[in-house]
Amino acid sequence: LFCGSPCQSAGLQQFLGKDYDNLYCCDFICRGVISPKVYRKFLTDMCPPDTTLQKVHFKNKDYGWNRFSTKLSFENGSIYQKDRNDDYYMRGYLRHNLYLRDCCYQCDYKVLPRSSDISLGDFWGISNYDPSLDNEQGTSVVLVNSEKGKILFGWASKHLVTTERFIDEVLSGNSCLLNSAVCGEYRDYFFKKMDKVPFPKLIEQIDEKSLNL
């Protein structure tokens, strides 16, 4: 089972040049691939003096799935935790579109059907169609794209609670299934200042700039 972004899955298949019966490809509803340097900068700058980062909960559900949070635990017992609307990293990612690689703003793999056998993602907005499926622990969408995907999903489904939904319901909460993210206005400013300004302060500067438009 190969799991990766849509472009990585397509790249593997192109490299292999033919299908293999024992190879199953899985991708996900991708917003874009983020610069590793940006994430390292965030983690380093959020770490208090004289301690080290112990654990990262990237999409922690203490506040629920719809309000997931970034939670960082440090060796000295301190914790940084903010939800998706307040976390410095997520503000730059979701609000300002700062971190993606250039190619992700013009992605060639935002298409249906996908080249992978199955695609996974969060089923954002499922409560608008069936509130019983949103228990705040996370509801996934699975797109079955091929006969091999059908077999794979069949093996897994006996361990899952599943229901069939319409693709338009998925699209309403996951526009990045078919559309590239728009490059943020302050992306160049962010990368120009990133090595000189602490991460929280830089995001606050960009917040102020966007409000003063």
N, C-alpha and C. Protein backbone atom coordinates (compact mmCIF):
# COMPACT_ATOMS: atom_id res chain seq x y z
N LEU A 1 0.84 -1.19 0.00
CA LEU A 1 0.00 0.00 0.00
C LEU A 1 0.88 1.24 0.00
N PHE A 2 0.79 2.04 -1.06
CA PHE A 2 1.49 3.32 -1.12
C PHE A 2 0.54 4.43 -0.75
N CYS A 3 0.93 5.28 0.21
CA CYS A 3 0.13 6.44 0.60
C CYS A 3 0.94 7.70 0.37
N GLY A 4 0.34 8.67 -0.28
CA GLY A 4 1.03 9.93 -0.53
C GLY A 4 0.09 10.96 -1.10
N SER A 5 0.63 12.11 -1.44
CA SER A 5 -0.18 13.16 -2.05
C SER A 5 -0.58 12.71 -3.47
N PRO A 6 -1.58 13.35 -4.08
CA PRO A 6 -1.99 12.96 -5.43
C PRO A 6 -0.84 13.01 -6.44
N CYS A 7 0.01 14.04 -6.34
CA CYS A 7 1.12 14.13 -7.31
C CYS A 7 2.16 13.05 -7.06
N GLN A 8 2.39 12.69 -5.78
CA GLN A 8 3.34 11.62 -5.48
C GLN A 8 2.83 10.27 -6.00
N SER A 9 1.54 10.03 -5.83
CA SER A 9 0.95 8.78 -6.31
C SER A 9 1.04 8.69 -7.83
N ALA A 10 0.69 9.79 -8.50
CA ALA A 10 0.78 9.81 -9.97
C ALA A 10 2.23 9.65 -10.42
N GLY A 11 3.17 10.25 -9.67
CA GLY A 11 4.58 10.12 -10.02
C GLY A 11 5.08 8.69 -9.91
N LEU A 12 4.65 8.00 -8.85
CA LEU A 12 5.04 6.60 -8.68
C LEU A 12 4.51 5.75 -9.84
N GLN A 13 3.24 5.95 -10.18
CA GLN A 13 2.64 5.16 -11.26
C GLN A 13 3.31 5.44 -12.61
N GLN A 14 3.67 6.70 -12.83
CA GLN A 14 4.36 7.06 -14.07
C GLN A 14 5.74 6.41 -14.12
N PHE A 15 6.42 6.39 -12.97
CA PHE A 15 7.75 5.79 -12.89
C PHE A 15 7.70 4.29 -13.14
N LEU A 16 6.70 3.61 -12.55
CA LEU A 16 6.60 2.16 -12.71
C LEU A 16 6.21 1.77 -14.12
N GLY A 17 5.37 2.59 -14.76
CA GLY A 17 5.02 2.36 -16.16
C GLY A 17 3.99 1.29 -16.42
N LYS A 18 3.56 0.56 -15.38
CA LYS A 18 2.53 -0.46 -15.54
C LYS A 18 1.89 -0.73 -14.19
N ASP A 19 0.74 -1.37 -14.22
CA ASP A 19 0.04 -1.70 -12.98
C ASP A 19 0.59 -3.01 -12.40
N TYR A 20 0.56 -3.11 -11.09
CA TYR A 20 0.96 -4.34 -10.40
C TYR A 20 -0.21 -4.80 -9.54
N ASP A 21 -0.53 -6.09 -9.63
CA ASP A 21 -1.69 -6.62 -8.90
C ASP A 21 -1.59 -6.39 -7.40
N ASN A 22 -0.38 -6.43 -6.87
CA ASN A 22 -0.21 -6.35 -5.41
C ASN A 22 0.11 -4.93 -4.94
N LEU A 23 -0.02 -3.92 -5.81
CA LEU A 23 0.21 -2.53 -5.42
C LEU A 23 -1.13 -1.79 -5.35
N TYR A 24 -1.38 -1.18 -4.20
CA TYR A 24 -2.57 -0.35 -4.01
C TYR A 24 -2.10 1.07 -3.69
N CYS A 25 -2.67 2.04 -4.38
CA CYS A 25 -2.27 3.44 -4.20
C CYS A 25 -3.38 4.22 -3.50
N CYS A 26 -2.99 4.98 -2.50
CA CYS A 26 -3.92 5.79 -1.73
C CYS A 26 -3.40 7.23 -1.68
N ASP A 27 -4.25 8.19 -2.03
CA ASP A 27 -3.88 9.59 -1.85
C ASP A 27 -4.89 10.26 -0.92
N PHE A 28 -4.79 11.56 -0.76
CA PHE A 28 -5.69 12.27 0.15
C PHE A 28 -6.12 13.59 -0.49
N ILE A 29 -7.18 14.16 0.04
CA ILE A 29 -7.64 15.46 -0.45
C ILE A 29 -6.63 16.49 0.02
N CYS A 30 -5.84 16.97 -0.90
CA CYS A 30 -4.62 17.73 -0.58
C CYS A 30 -4.84 19.22 -0.82
N ARG A 31 -4.49 20.01 0.17
CA ARG A 31 -4.52 21.47 0.00
C ARG A 31 -3.21 21.96 -0.60
N GLY A 32 -2.16 21.19 -0.40
CA GLY A 32 -0.85 21.55 -0.91
C GLY A 32 0.24 21.09 0.03
N VAL A 33 1.45 20.99 -0.49
CA VAL A 33 2.59 20.52 0.30
C VAL A 33 3.31 21.73 0.90
N ILE A 34 3.54 21.67 2.19
CA ILE A 34 4.08 22.82 2.92
C ILE A 34 5.61 22.72 3.03
N SER A 35 6.25 23.88 3.04
CA SER A 35 7.69 23.95 3.21
C SER A 35 8.12 23.35 4.55
N PRO A 36 8.98 22.33 4.56
CA PRO A 36 9.48 21.77 5.83
C PRO A 36 10.21 22.81 6.68
N LYS A 37 10.88 23.76 6.02
CA LYS A 37 11.61 24.80 6.75
C LYS A 37 10.65 25.64 7.58
N VAL A 38 9.47 25.95 7.03
CA VAL A 38 8.48 26.74 7.75
C VAL A 38 8.03 26.01 9.01
N TYR A 39 7.78 24.71 8.89
CA TYR A 39 7.28 23.96 10.05
C TYR A 39 8.36 23.85 11.13
N ARG A 40 9.60 23.63 10.72
CA ARG A 40 10.70 23.59 11.69
C ARG A 40 10.85 24.93 12.40
N LYS A 41 10.69 26.01 11.65
CA LYS A 41 10.77 27.36 12.22
C LYS A 41 9.67 27.55 13.26
N PHE A 42 8.46 27.13 12.95
CA PHE A 42 7.35 27.25 13.89
C PHE A 42 7.64 26.50 15.18
N LEU A 43 8.04 25.23 15.06
CA LEU A 43 8.30 24.41 16.25
C LEU A 43 9.45 24.98 17.09
N THR A 44 10.49 25.45 16.43
CA THR A 44 11.64 26.01 17.15
C THR A 44 11.25 27.28 17.90
N ASP A 45 10.52 28.16 17.23
CA ASP A 45 10.19 29.45 17.84
C ASP A 45 9.12 29.33 18.93
N MET A 46 8.33 28.28 18.91
CA MET A 46 7.31 28.10 19.95
C MET A 46 7.87 27.44 21.20
N CYS A 47 9.08 26.91 21.12
CA CYS A 47 9.68 26.21 22.26
C CYS A 47 10.22 27.22 23.28
N PRO A 48 9.79 27.14 24.54
CA PRO A 48 10.30 28.06 25.56
C PRO A 48 11.80 27.86 25.77
N PRO A 49 12.48 28.87 26.36
CA PRO A 49 13.92 28.74 26.64
C PRO A 49 14.20 27.59 27.62
N ASP A 50 15.36 27.00 27.48
CA ASP A 50 15.87 25.99 28.43
C ASP A 50 14.99 24.74 28.52
N THR A 51 14.33 24.37 27.45
CA THR A 51 13.60 23.10 27.41
C THR A 51 13.59 22.61 25.97
N THR A 52 13.04 21.45 25.76
CA THR A 52 12.95 20.89 24.41
C THR A 52 11.53 20.42 24.13
N LEU A 53 11.21 20.36 22.84
CA LEU A 53 9.90 19.87 22.42
C LEU A 53 9.82 18.37 22.65
N GLN A 54 8.74 17.92 23.26
CA GLN A 54 8.58 16.51 23.58
C GLN A 54 7.60 15.81 22.64
N LYS A 55 6.48 16.49 22.33
CA LYS A 55 5.46 15.83 21.54
C LYS A 55 4.62 16.86 20.78
N VAL A 56 4.20 16.50 19.57
CA VAL A 56 3.34 17.35 18.75
C VAL A 56 2.02 16.62 18.48
N HIS A 57 0.91 17.26 18.82
CA HIS A 57 -0.42 16.78 18.42
C HIS A 57 -0.90 17.75 17.35
N PHE A 58 -0.73 17.38 16.10
CA PHE A 58 -0.97 18.34 15.00
C PHE A 58 -2.44 18.71 14.86
N LYS A 59 -3.33 17.75 15.00
CA LYS A 59 -4.78 18.04 14.91
C LYS A 59 -5.46 17.44 16.15
N ASN A 60 -5.08 17.98 17.29
CA ASN A 60 -5.62 17.51 18.56
C ASN A 60 -7.12 17.78 18.64
N LYS A 61 -7.87 16.86 19.27
CA LYS A 61 -9.34 16.99 19.31
C LYS A 61 -9.87 17.31 20.72
N ASP A 62 -9.05 17.90 21.58
CA ASP A 62 -9.53 18.31 22.90
C ASP A 62 -10.74 19.23 22.78
N TYR A 63 -10.73 20.09 21.77
CA TYR A 63 -11.84 21.02 21.55
C TYR A 63 -12.83 20.48 20.51
N GLY A 64 -12.63 19.25 20.07
CA GLY A 64 -13.49 18.64 19.05
C GLY A 64 -12.85 18.69 17.67
N TRP A 65 -13.39 17.87 16.78
CA TRP A 65 -12.86 17.74 15.42
C TRP A 65 -13.03 19.03 14.63
N ASN A 66 -14.19 19.67 14.75
CA ASN A 66 -14.44 20.88 13.96
C ASN A 66 -13.60 22.06 14.43
N ARG A 67 -13.07 21.98 15.63
CA ARG A 67 -12.24 23.05 16.17
C ARG A 67 -10.90 22.46 16.62
N PHE A 68 -10.33 21.63 15.75
CA PHE A 68 -9.10 20.95 16.12
C PHE A 68 -8.03 21.96 16.49
N SER A 69 -7.07 21.50 17.29
CA SER A 69 -6.05 22.42 17.80
C SER A 69 -4.65 21.88 17.55
N THR A 70 -3.69 22.77 17.58
CA THR A 70 -2.28 22.41 17.60
C THR A 70 -1.84 22.38 19.06
N LYS A 71 -1.29 21.25 19.49
CA LYS A 71 -0.88 21.10 20.88
C LYS A 71 0.58 20.65 20.92
N LEU A 72 1.41 21.45 21.54
CA LEU A 72 2.83 21.14 21.69
C LEU A 72 3.14 20.93 23.16
N SER A 73 3.75 19.80 23.48
CA SER A 73 4.13 19.49 24.87
C SER A 73 5.65 19.56 24.98
N PHE A 74 6.13 20.21 26.06
CA PHE A 74 7.56 20.42 26.26
C PHE A 74 8.04 19.68 27.49
N GLU A 75 9.35 19.41 27.54
CA GLU A 75 9.92 18.60 28.60
C GLU A 75 9.77 19.22 29.99
N ASN A 76 9.67 20.53 30.04
CA ASN A 76 9.53 21.19 31.35
C ASN A 76 8.09 21.18 31.87
N GLY A 77 7.18 20.51 31.13
CA GLY A 77 5.79 20.41 31.55
C GLY A 77 4.88 21.45 30.96
N SER A 78 5.42 22.46 30.30
CA SER A 78 4.58 23.49 29.71
C SER A 78 3.94 22.99 28.41
N ILE A 79 2.83 23.62 28.06
CA ILE A 79 2.06 23.21 26.88
C ILE A 79 1.64 24.46 26.10
N TYR A 80 1.77 24.38 24.80
CA TYR A 80 1.19 25.38 23.90
C TYR A 80 0.00 24.73 23.21
N GLN A 81 -1.16 25.36 23.27
CA GLN A 81 -2.33 24.79 22.60
C GLN A 81 -3.27 25.91 22.16
N LYS A 82 -3.54 25.97 20.87
CA LYS A 82 -4.50 26.92 20.31
C LYS A 82 -5.29 26.23 19.21
N ASP A 83 -6.57 26.61 19.05
CA ASP A 83 -7.39 25.97 18.04
C ASP A 83 -7.06 26.49 16.65
N ARG A 84 -7.69 25.92 15.64
CA ARG A 84 -7.35 26.19 14.23
C ARG A 84 -7.49 27.67 13.87
N ASN A 85 -8.33 28.41 14.60
CA ASN A 85 -8.54 29.82 14.29
C ASN A 85 -7.50 30.73 14.94
N ASP A 86 -6.89 30.26 16.03
CA ASP A 86 -5.96 31.11 16.78
C ASP A 86 -4.51 30.67 16.70
N ASP A 87 -4.25 29.42 16.38
CA ASP A 87 -2.89 28.92 16.31
C ASP A 87 -2.10 29.69 15.25
N TYR A 88 -0.88 30.09 15.59
CA TYR A 88 -0.07 30.90 14.68
C TYR A 88 0.19 30.16 13.36
N TYR A 89 0.51 28.88 13.46
CA TYR A 89 0.81 28.12 12.24
C TYR A 89 -0.42 28.02 11.34
N MET A 90 -1.57 27.70 11.93
CA MET A 90 -2.78 27.54 11.14
C MET A 90 -3.29 28.86 10.57
N ARG A 91 -3.04 29.95 11.27
CA ARG A 91 -3.42 31.26 10.74
C ARG A 91 -2.67 31.55 9.44
N GLY A 92 -1.39 31.24 9.44
CA GLY A 92 -0.62 31.45 8.23
C GLY A 92 -1.00 30.50 7.11
N TYR A 93 -1.39 29.28 7.50
CA TYR A 93 -1.73 28.24 6.53
C TYR A 93 -3.13 28.43 5.95
N LEU A 94 -4.13 28.55 6.82
CA LEU A 94 -5.53 28.60 6.36
C LEU A 94 -6.00 30.01 6.04
N ARG A 95 -5.58 30.99 6.84
CA ARG A 95 -6.09 32.35 6.65
C ARG A 95 -5.34 33.10 5.57
N HIS A 96 -4.00 32.90 5.51
CA HIS A 96 -3.18 33.73 4.62
C HIS A 96 -2.53 32.98 3.47
N ASN A 97 -2.61 31.64 3.45
CA ASN A 97 -2.03 30.85 2.35
C ASN A 97 -0.56 31.21 2.09
N LEU A 98 0.28 31.04 3.11
CA LEU A 98 1.66 31.49 3.02
C LEU A 98 2.67 30.42 2.65
N TYR A 99 2.42 29.16 2.99
CA TYR A 99 3.51 28.18 3.09
C TYR A 99 3.65 27.20 1.92
N LEU A 100 2.70 27.14 1.03
CA LEU A 100 2.72 26.07 0.03
C LEU A 100 3.85 26.27 -0.99
N ARG A 101 4.28 25.17 -1.57
CA ARG A 101 5.25 25.25 -2.66
C ARG A 101 4.59 25.90 -3.87
N ASP A 102 5.40 26.54 -4.70
CA ASP A 102 4.85 27.29 -5.85
C ASP A 102 3.95 26.43 -6.73
N CYS A 103 4.37 25.18 -6.98
CA CYS A 103 3.62 24.32 -7.90
C CYS A 103 2.23 23.98 -7.37
N CYS A 104 2.06 24.05 -6.04
CA CYS A 104 0.77 23.68 -5.44
C CYS A 104 -0.31 24.72 -5.71
N TYR A 105 0.09 25.93 -6.07
CA TYR A 105 -0.91 26.95 -6.38
C TYR A 105 -1.45 26.79 -7.79
N GLN A 106 -0.84 25.88 -8.56
CA GLN A 106 -1.33 25.55 -9.90
C GLN A 106 -1.22 24.04 -10.09
N CYS A 107 -1.92 23.30 -9.24
CA CYS A 107 -1.78 21.85 -9.21
C CYS A 107 -2.50 21.19 -10.38
N ASP A 108 -1.82 20.24 -11.03
CA ASP A 108 -2.40 19.52 -12.16
C ASP A 108 -3.18 18.27 -11.74
N TYR A 109 -3.28 18.01 -10.43
CA TYR A 109 -3.87 16.76 -9.97
C TYR A 109 -5.18 16.96 -9.20
N LYS A 110 -5.79 18.15 -9.38
CA LYS A 110 -7.10 18.42 -8.77
C LYS A 110 -8.19 17.96 -9.74
N VAL A 111 -8.28 16.67 -9.93
CA VAL A 111 -9.19 16.12 -10.94
C VAL A 111 -9.94 14.91 -10.38
N LEU A 112 -11.04 14.59 -11.01
CA LEU A 112 -11.78 13.35 -10.81
C LEU A 112 -11.96 12.69 -12.17
N PRO A 113 -11.80 11.37 -12.28
CA PRO A 113 -11.40 10.47 -11.19
C PRO A 113 -9.92 10.60 -10.86
N ARG A 114 -9.56 10.24 -9.66
CA ARG A 114 -8.17 10.27 -9.24
C ARG A 114 -7.43 9.08 -9.83
N SER A 115 -6.10 9.20 -9.88
CA SER A 115 -5.31 8.08 -10.40
C SER A 115 -5.07 7.02 -9.34
N SER A 116 -5.26 7.37 -8.05
CA SER A 116 -5.08 6.40 -6.97
C SER A 116 -6.30 5.51 -6.84
N ASP A 117 -6.15 4.38 -6.18
CA ASP A 117 -7.26 3.45 -6.01
C ASP A 117 -8.29 3.98 -5.02
N ILE A 118 -7.82 4.61 -3.95
CA ILE A 118 -8.73 5.26 -3.01
C ILE A 118 -8.15 6.61 -2.61
N SER A 119 -9.03 7.52 -2.20
CA SER A 119 -8.62 8.83 -1.69
C SER A 119 -9.28 9.04 -0.34
N LEU A 120 -8.54 9.62 0.60
CA LEU A 120 -9.05 9.85 1.95
C LEU A 120 -9.07 11.34 2.26
N GLY A 121 -9.93 11.73 3.19
CA GLY A 121 -9.95 13.12 3.63
C GLY A 121 -10.91 13.30 4.79
N ASP A 122 -10.91 14.50 5.34
CA ASP A 122 -11.92 14.87 6.33
C ASP A 122 -13.22 15.19 5.61
N PHE A 123 -14.34 14.75 6.17
CA PHE A 123 -15.64 15.05 5.57
C PHE A 123 -16.18 16.34 6.19
N TRP A 124 -15.49 17.46 5.84
CA TRP A 124 -15.93 18.74 6.38
C TRP A 124 -17.34 19.06 5.89
N GLY A 125 -18.20 19.49 6.81
CA GLY A 125 -19.57 19.86 6.45
C GLY A 125 -20.56 18.72 6.49
N ILE A 126 -20.16 17.54 6.95
CA ILE A 126 -21.09 16.42 6.96
C ILE A 126 -22.29 16.71 7.85
N SER A 127 -22.11 17.56 8.86
CA SER A 127 -23.23 17.87 9.77
C SER A 127 -24.37 18.59 9.05
N ASN A 128 -24.07 19.21 7.90
CA ASN A 128 -25.12 19.87 7.12
C ASN A 128 -26.04 18.88 6.42
N TYR A 129 -25.56 17.64 6.28
CA TYR A 129 -26.32 16.63 5.55
C TYR A 129 -26.82 15.51 6.47
N ASP A 130 -26.02 15.17 7.47
CA ASP A 130 -26.42 14.15 8.42
C ASP A 130 -25.70 14.40 9.73
N PRO A 131 -26.30 15.19 10.63
CA PRO A 131 -25.65 15.54 11.91
C PRO A 131 -25.26 14.31 12.74
N SER A 132 -25.95 13.20 12.54
CA SER A 132 -25.63 12.01 13.33
C SER A 132 -24.24 11.47 13.01
N LEU A 133 -23.70 11.84 11.85
CA LEU A 133 -22.38 11.35 11.45
C LEU A 133 -21.24 12.24 11.97
N ASP A 134 -21.59 13.35 12.61
CA ASP A 134 -20.57 14.24 13.16
C ASP A 134 -20.56 14.13 14.67
N ASN A 135 -19.66 13.31 15.21
CA ASN A 135 -19.60 13.11 16.66
C ASN A 135 -18.43 13.87 17.28
N GLU A 136 -17.84 14.81 16.54
CA GLU A 136 -16.72 15.64 16.98
C GLU A 136 -15.43 14.85 17.20
N GLN A 137 -15.42 13.59 16.80
CA GLN A 137 -14.18 12.81 16.87
C GLN A 137 -13.54 12.68 15.49
N GLY A 138 -14.25 13.18 14.48
CA GLY A 138 -13.71 13.13 13.12
C GLY A 138 -14.50 12.18 12.25
N THR A 139 -14.93 12.68 11.10
CA THR A 139 -15.64 11.86 10.11
C THR A 139 -14.85 11.91 8.82
N SER A 140 -14.52 10.75 8.29
CA SER A 140 -13.68 10.68 7.09
C SER A 140 -14.52 10.48 5.83
N VAL A 141 -13.98 10.96 4.73
CA VAL A 141 -14.55 10.65 3.42
C VAL A 141 -13.57 9.70 2.72
N VAL A 142 -14.12 8.68 2.09
CA VAL A 142 -13.32 7.74 1.30
C VAL A 142 -13.87 7.74 -0.12
N LEU A 143 -13.04 8.11 -1.08
CA LEU A 143 -13.42 8.05 -2.49
C LEU A 143 -12.84 6.76 -3.08
N VAL A 144 -13.71 5.93 -3.62
CA VAL A 144 -13.27 4.68 -4.25
C VAL A 144 -13.14 4.95 -5.74
N ASN A 145 -11.91 4.86 -6.26
CA ASN A 145 -11.62 5.33 -7.62
C ASN A 145 -11.40 4.23 -8.65
N SER A 146 -11.31 2.97 -8.21
CA SER A 146 -10.97 1.89 -9.15
C SER A 146 -11.52 0.58 -8.62
N GLU A 147 -11.44 -0.45 -9.45
CA GLU A 147 -11.86 -1.78 -9.02
C GLU A 147 -10.97 -2.28 -7.88
N LYS A 148 -9.69 -1.99 -7.96
CA LYS A 148 -8.78 -2.38 -6.87
C LYS A 148 -9.14 -1.62 -5.59
N GLY A 149 -9.55 -0.36 -5.76
CA GLY A 149 -9.98 0.42 -4.60
C GLY A 149 -11.22 -0.17 -3.96
N LYS A 150 -12.10 -0.69 -4.81
CA LYS A 150 -13.33 -1.32 -4.31
C LYS A 150 -12.99 -2.55 -3.47
N ILE A 151 -12.02 -3.33 -3.93
CA ILE A 151 -11.59 -4.52 -3.19
C ILE A 151 -10.97 -4.11 -1.85
N LEU A 152 -10.09 -3.09 -1.89
CA LEU A 152 -9.42 -2.63 -0.68
C LEU A 152 -10.43 -2.11 0.34
N PHE A 153 -11.40 -1.32 -0.14
CA PHE A 153 -12.40 -0.78 0.75
C PHE A 153 -13.29 -1.89 1.31
N GLY A 154 -13.53 -2.91 0.50
CA GLY A 154 -14.32 -4.05 0.96
C GLY A 154 -13.66 -4.77 2.12
N TRP A 155 -12.32 -4.91 2.04
CA TRP A 155 -11.59 -5.54 3.14
C TRP A 155 -11.70 -4.72 4.43
N ALA A 156 -11.63 -3.41 4.27
CA ALA A 156 -11.59 -2.53 5.45
C ALA A 156 -12.97 -2.26 6.03
N SER A 157 -14.00 -2.28 5.19
CA SER A 157 -15.32 -1.78 5.59
C SER A 157 -15.95 -2.57 6.74
N LYS A 158 -15.57 -3.83 6.90
CA LYS A 158 -16.14 -4.61 8.01
C LYS A 158 -15.68 -4.10 9.37
N HIS A 159 -14.63 -3.26 9.36
CA HIS A 159 -14.14 -2.67 10.61
C HIS A 159 -14.61 -1.23 10.77
N LEU A 160 -15.44 -0.75 9.85
CA LEU A 160 -15.81 0.67 9.82
C LEU A 160 -17.33 0.83 9.88
N VAL A 161 -17.76 2.02 10.30
CA VAL A 161 -19.15 2.43 10.17
C VAL A 161 -19.23 3.28 8.90
N THR A 162 -19.95 2.83 7.90
CA THR A 162 -19.93 3.51 6.60
C THR A 162 -21.34 3.81 6.11
N THR A 163 -21.41 4.83 5.26
CA THR A 163 -22.64 5.15 4.56
C THR A 163 -22.26 5.82 3.24
N GLU A 164 -23.07 5.60 2.22
CA GLU A 164 -22.77 6.18 0.91
C GLU A 164 -23.34 7.59 0.83
N ARG A 165 -22.52 8.53 0.33
CA ARG A 165 -22.93 9.93 0.21
C ARG A 165 -22.71 10.42 -1.21
N PHE A 166 -23.21 11.62 -1.52
CA PHE A 166 -23.05 12.21 -2.85
C PHE A 166 -21.74 13.00 -2.92
N ILE A 167 -21.12 13.00 -4.11
CA ILE A 167 -19.85 13.70 -4.28
C ILE A 167 -20.01 15.20 -4.07
N ASP A 168 -21.19 15.76 -4.39
CA ASP A 168 -21.40 17.20 -4.17
C ASP A 168 -21.31 17.57 -2.69
N GLU A 169 -21.68 16.64 -1.82
CA GLU A 169 -21.57 16.89 -0.38
C GLU A 169 -20.10 16.98 0.04
N VAL A 170 -19.28 16.15 -0.57
CA VAL A 170 -17.85 16.19 -0.29
C VAL A 170 -17.24 17.50 -0.80
N LEU A 171 -17.61 17.90 -2.00
CA LEU A 171 -17.05 19.10 -2.61
C LEU A 171 -17.42 20.37 -1.85
N SER A 172 -18.60 20.38 -1.26
CA SER A 172 -19.05 21.60 -0.57
C SER A 172 -18.13 21.97 0.59
N GLY A 173 -17.50 20.99 1.22
CA GLY A 173 -16.60 21.27 2.33
C GLY A 173 -15.14 21.04 2.01
N ASN A 174 -14.86 20.58 0.79
CA ASN A 174 -13.48 20.28 0.38
C ASN A 174 -13.24 20.83 -1.02
N SER A 175 -13.19 22.14 -1.14
CA SER A 175 -13.00 22.74 -2.46
C SER A 175 -11.67 22.35 -3.07
N CYS A 176 -10.68 22.01 -2.22
CA CYS A 176 -9.35 21.65 -2.73
C CYS A 176 -9.32 20.28 -3.39
N LEU A 177 -10.45 19.58 -3.38
CA LEU A 177 -10.51 18.34 -4.16
C LEU A 177 -10.36 18.64 -5.64
N LEU A 178 -10.89 19.80 -6.08
CA LEU A 178 -10.84 20.17 -7.50
C LEU A 178 -10.17 21.51 -7.77
N ASN A 179 -9.88 22.27 -6.71
CA ASN A 179 -9.34 23.62 -6.92
C ASN A 179 -8.04 23.82 -6.14
N SER A 180 -7.07 24.46 -6.79
CA SER A 180 -5.82 24.80 -6.10
C SER A 180 -6.06 25.95 -5.14
N ALA A 181 -5.30 25.95 -4.04
CA ALA A 181 -5.34 27.09 -3.12
C ALA A 181 -4.79 28.32 -3.84
N VAL A 182 -5.30 29.48 -3.46
CA VAL A 182 -4.84 30.74 -4.06
C VAL A 182 -3.62 31.23 -3.29
N CYS A 183 -2.59 31.60 -3.99
CA CYS A 183 -1.36 32.08 -3.35
C CYS A 183 -1.65 33.33 -2.52
N GLY A 184 -1.21 33.32 -1.28
CA GLY A 184 -1.48 34.42 -0.37
C GLY A 184 -0.75 35.70 -0.77
N GLU A 185 -1.38 36.82 -0.53
CA GLU A 185 -0.82 38.12 -0.90
C GLU A 185 0.50 38.40 -0.19
N TYR A 186 0.65 37.85 1.03
CA TYR A 186 1.84 38.17 1.82
C TYR A 186 2.84 37.02 1.88
N ARG A 187 2.74 36.11 0.94
CA ARG A 187 3.67 34.97 0.93
C ARG A 187 5.11 35.43 0.77
N ASP A 188 5.39 36.30 -0.20
CA ASP A 188 6.76 36.76 -0.41
C ASP A 188 7.28 37.51 0.81
N TYR A 189 6.42 38.30 1.42
CA TYR A 189 6.79 39.04 2.62
C TYR A 189 7.16 38.07 3.74
N PHE A 190 6.37 37.02 3.89
CA PHE A 190 6.62 36.03 4.94
C PHE A 190 8.00 35.40 4.76
N PHE A 191 8.32 34.92 3.55
CA PHE A 191 9.59 34.23 3.35
C PHE A 191 10.78 35.20 3.44
N LYS A 192 10.56 36.46 3.10
CA LYS A 192 11.61 37.46 3.19
C LYS A 192 11.98 37.73 4.66
N LYS A 193 10.97 37.69 5.52
CA LYS A 193 11.17 38.03 6.93
C LYS A 193 11.38 36.81 7.83
N MET A 194 11.14 35.62 7.31
CA MET A 194 11.05 34.43 8.16
C MET A 194 12.30 34.18 9.00
N ASP A 195 13.48 34.38 8.44
CA ASP A 195 14.72 34.10 9.16
C ASP A 195 15.08 35.19 10.16
N LYS A 196 14.36 36.31 10.12
CA LYS A 196 14.72 37.46 10.96
C LYS A 196 13.72 37.74 12.08
N VAL A 197 12.47 37.30 11.90
CA VAL A 197 11.40 37.66 12.83
C VAL A 197 10.84 36.38 13.46
N PRO A 198 10.63 36.36 14.78
CA PRO A 198 10.02 35.18 15.42
C PRO A 198 8.66 34.87 14.80
N PHE A 199 8.35 33.59 14.72
CA PHE A 199 7.15 33.13 14.02
C PHE A 199 5.87 33.83 14.50
N PRO A 200 5.58 33.85 15.81
CA PRO A 200 4.33 34.48 16.25
C PRO A 200 4.24 35.95 15.85
N LYS A 201 5.35 36.66 16.00
CA LYS A 201 5.36 38.09 15.68
C LYS A 201 5.13 38.31 14.18
N LEU A 202 5.73 37.45 13.35
CA LEU A 202 5.57 37.59 11.91
C LEU A 202 4.13 37.36 11.48
N ILE A 203 3.48 36.36 12.06
CA ILE A 203 2.07 36.11 11.72
C ILE A 203 1.20 37.27 12.19
N GLU A 204 1.50 37.82 13.36
CA GLU A 204 0.74 38.98 13.85
C GLU A 204 0.93 40.19 12.93
N GLN A 205 2.13 40.37 12.40
CA GLN A 205 2.38 41.46 11.46
C GLN A 205 1.52 41.29 10.21
N ILE A 206 1.45 40.05 9.71
CA ILE A 206 0.66 39.78 8.50
C ILE A 206 -0.84 39.93 8.79
N ASP A 207 -1.27 39.51 9.98
CA ASP A 207 -2.66 39.74 10.38
C ASP A 207 -2.98 41.25 10.31
N GLU A 208 -2.10 42.06 10.85
CA GLU A 208 -2.32 43.51 10.86
C GLU A 208 -2.35 44.06 9.44
N LYS A 209 -1.44 43.61 8.59
CA LYS A 209 -1.42 44.07 7.21
C LYS A 209 -2.72 43.76 6.48
N SER A 210 -3.24 42.54 6.72
CA SER A 210 -4.46 42.14 6.03
C SER A 210 -5.68 42.93 6.51
N LEU A 211 -5.65 43.34 7.79
CA LEU A 211 -6.77 44.11 8.35
C LEU A 211 -6.73 45.56 7.90
N ASN A 212 -5.54 46.05 7.51
CA ASN A 212 -5.39 47.45 7.13
C ASN A 212 -5.56 47.70 5.63
N LEU A 213 -6.00 46.67 4.92
CA LEU A 213 -6.21 46.83 3.48
C LEU A 213 -7.27 47.89 3.20
